[in-house]
């Protein structure tokens, strides 16, 4: 189990990501569904987002915003 935890890193829920990014939950789910934010869909509607994927999204957003 420890190997999987170190491989995946910190996992965030969609609610946590929405709060961190200061966006509406519907926007978060939309971006997850579109693949704009990478996430894993578990048990129907349960999303988990890896720390590395969230960081990549934020970095990409910063790059796009500076153009």
C-alpha atoms as a PDB file:
ATOM      1  CA  UNK A   1       0.000   0.000   0.000  1.00  0.00           C
ATOM      2  CA  UNK A   2       2.850   2.388   0.766  1.00  0.00           C
ATOM      3  CA  UNK A   3       4.248   1.899  -2.761  1.00  0.00           C
ATOM      4  CA  UNK A   4       0.915   2.922  -4.294  1.00  0.00           C
ATOM      5  CA  UNK A   5       0.720   5.963  -2.038  1.00  0.00           C
ATOM      6  CA  UNK A   6       4.207   7.095  -3.020  1.00  0.00           C
ATOM      7  CA  UNK A   7       3.389   6.470  -6.700  1.00  0.00           C
ATOM      8  CA  UNK A   8       0.102   8.406  -6.674  1.00  0.00           C
ATOM      9  CA  UNK A   9       1.146  11.104  -4.228  1.00  0.00           C
ATOM     10  CA  UNK A  10      -1.468  13.270  -2.551  1.00  0.00           C
ATOM     11  CA  UNK A  11      -4.977  12.795  -3.923  1.00  0.00           C
ATOM     12  CA  UNK A  12      -7.516  15.617  -3.864  1.00  0.00           C
ATOM     13  CA  UNK A  13     -11.282  15.369  -4.150  1.00  0.00           C
ATOM     14  CA  UNK A  14     -13.088  17.533  -6.690  1.00  0.00           C
ATOM     15  CA  UNK A  15     -14.424  19.601  -3.789  1.00  0.00           C
ATOM     16  CA  UNK A  16     -10.907  20.256  -2.486  1.00  0.00           C
ATOM     17  CA  UNK A  17      -9.695  21.241  -5.965  1.00  0.00           C
ATOM     18  CA  UNK A  18     -12.626  23.608  -6.455  1.00  0.00           C
ATOM     19  CA  UNK A  19     -11.836  25.282  -3.131  1.00  0.00           C
ATOM     20  CA  UNK A  20      -8.104  25.493  -3.863  1.00  0.00           C
ATOM     21  CA  UNK A  21      -8.718  27.047  -7.278  1.00  0.00           C
ATOM     22  CA  UNK A  22     -11.570  29.216  -5.991  1.00  0.00           C
ATOM     23  CA  UNK A  23     -13.941  27.919  -8.662  1.00  0.00           C
ATOM     24  CA  UNK A  24     -17.477  26.561  -8.584  1.00  0.00           C
ATOM     25  CA  UNK A  25     -17.887  22.783  -8.204  1.00  0.00           C
ATOM     26  CA  UNK A  26     -19.737  22.645 -11.544  1.00  0.00           C
ATOM     27  CA  UNK A  27     -16.741  24.252 -13.252  1.00  0.00           C
ATOM     28  CA  UNK A  28     -14.419  21.739 -11.615  1.00  0.00           C
ATOM     29  CA  UNK A  29     -16.547  18.807 -12.793  1.00  0.00           C
ATOM     30  CA  UNK A  30     -16.776  20.321 -16.276  1.00  0.00           C
ATOM     31  CA  UNK A  31     -13.000  20.702 -16.527  1.00  0.00           C
ATOM     32  CA  UNK A  32     -12.501  17.145 -15.236  1.00  0.00           C
ATOM     33  CA  UNK A  33     -14.990  15.814 -17.792  1.00  0.00           C
ATOM     34  CA  UNK A  34     -13.275  17.729 -20.594  1.00  0.00           C
ATOM     35  CA  UNK A  35      -9.852  16.480 -19.499  1.00  0.00           C
ATOM     36  CA  UNK A  36      -8.645  20.010 -18.825  1.00  0.00           C
ATOM     37  CA  UNK A  37      -7.786  18.816 -15.320  1.00  0.00           C
ATOM     38  CA  UNK A  38      -6.548  15.226 -15.267  1.00  0.00           C
ATOM     39  CA  UNK A  39      -8.381  13.082 -12.758  1.00  0.00           C
ATOM     40  CA  UNK A  40      -9.384   9.542 -11.941  1.00  0.00           C
ATOM     41  CA  UNK A  41     -13.067   8.713 -11.839  1.00  0.00           C
ATOM     42  CA  UNK A  42     -13.859   6.170  -9.150  1.00  0.00           C
ATOM     43  CA  UNK A  43     -17.131   4.552  -8.155  1.00  0.00           C
ATOM     44  CA  UNK A  44     -19.426   6.410 -10.523  1.00  0.00           C
ATOM     45  CA  UNK A  45     -19.107  10.124  -9.868  1.00  0.00           C
ATOM     46  CA  UNK A  46     -16.229  10.100  -7.358  1.00  0.00           C
ATOM     47  CA  UNK A  47     -13.215  11.982  -8.728  1.00  0.00           C
ATOM     48  CA  UNK A  48      -9.669  12.056  -7.378  1.00  0.00           C
ATOM     49  CA  UNK A  49      -6.960  14.365  -8.675  1.00  0.00           C
ATOM     50  CA  UNK A  50      -3.271  13.678  -8.141  1.00  0.00           C
ATOM     51  CA  UNK A  51      -1.132  16.477  -6.723  1.00  0.00           C
ATOM     52  CA  UNK A  52       1.161  16.259  -9.771  1.00  0.00           C
ATOM     53  CA  UNK A  53      -1.788  16.656 -12.162  1.00  0.00           C
ATOM     54  CA  UNK A  54      -3.152  19.633 -10.243  1.00  0.00           C
ATOM     55  CA  UNK A  55       0.269  21.279 -10.292  1.00  0.00           C
ATOM     56  CA  UNK A  56       0.558  20.655 -14.047  1.00  0.00           C
ATOM     57  CA  UNK A  57      -2.857  22.241 -14.594  1.00  0.00           C
ATOM     58  CA  UNK A  58      -1.927  25.327 -12.574  1.00  0.00           C
ATOM     59  CA  UNK A  59       1.431  25.686 -14.363  1.00  0.00           C
ATOM     60  CA  UNK A  60      -0.246  25.358 -17.776  1.00  0.00           C
ATOM     61  CA  UNK A  61      -2.878  27.915 -16.787  1.00  0.00           C
ATOM     62  CA  UNK A  62      -0.150  30.354 -15.751  1.00  0.00           C
ATOM     63  CA  UNK A  63       1.633  29.877 -19.096  1.00  0.00           C
ATOM     64  CA  UNK A  64      -1.593  30.406 -21.028  1.00  0.00           C
ATOM     65  CA  UNK A  65      -2.408  33.490 -18.991  1.00  0.00           C
ATOM     66  CA  UNK A  66       0.948  35.104 -19.687  1.00  0.00           C
ATOM     67  CA  UNK A  67       0.541  34.919 -23.478  1.00  0.00           C
END
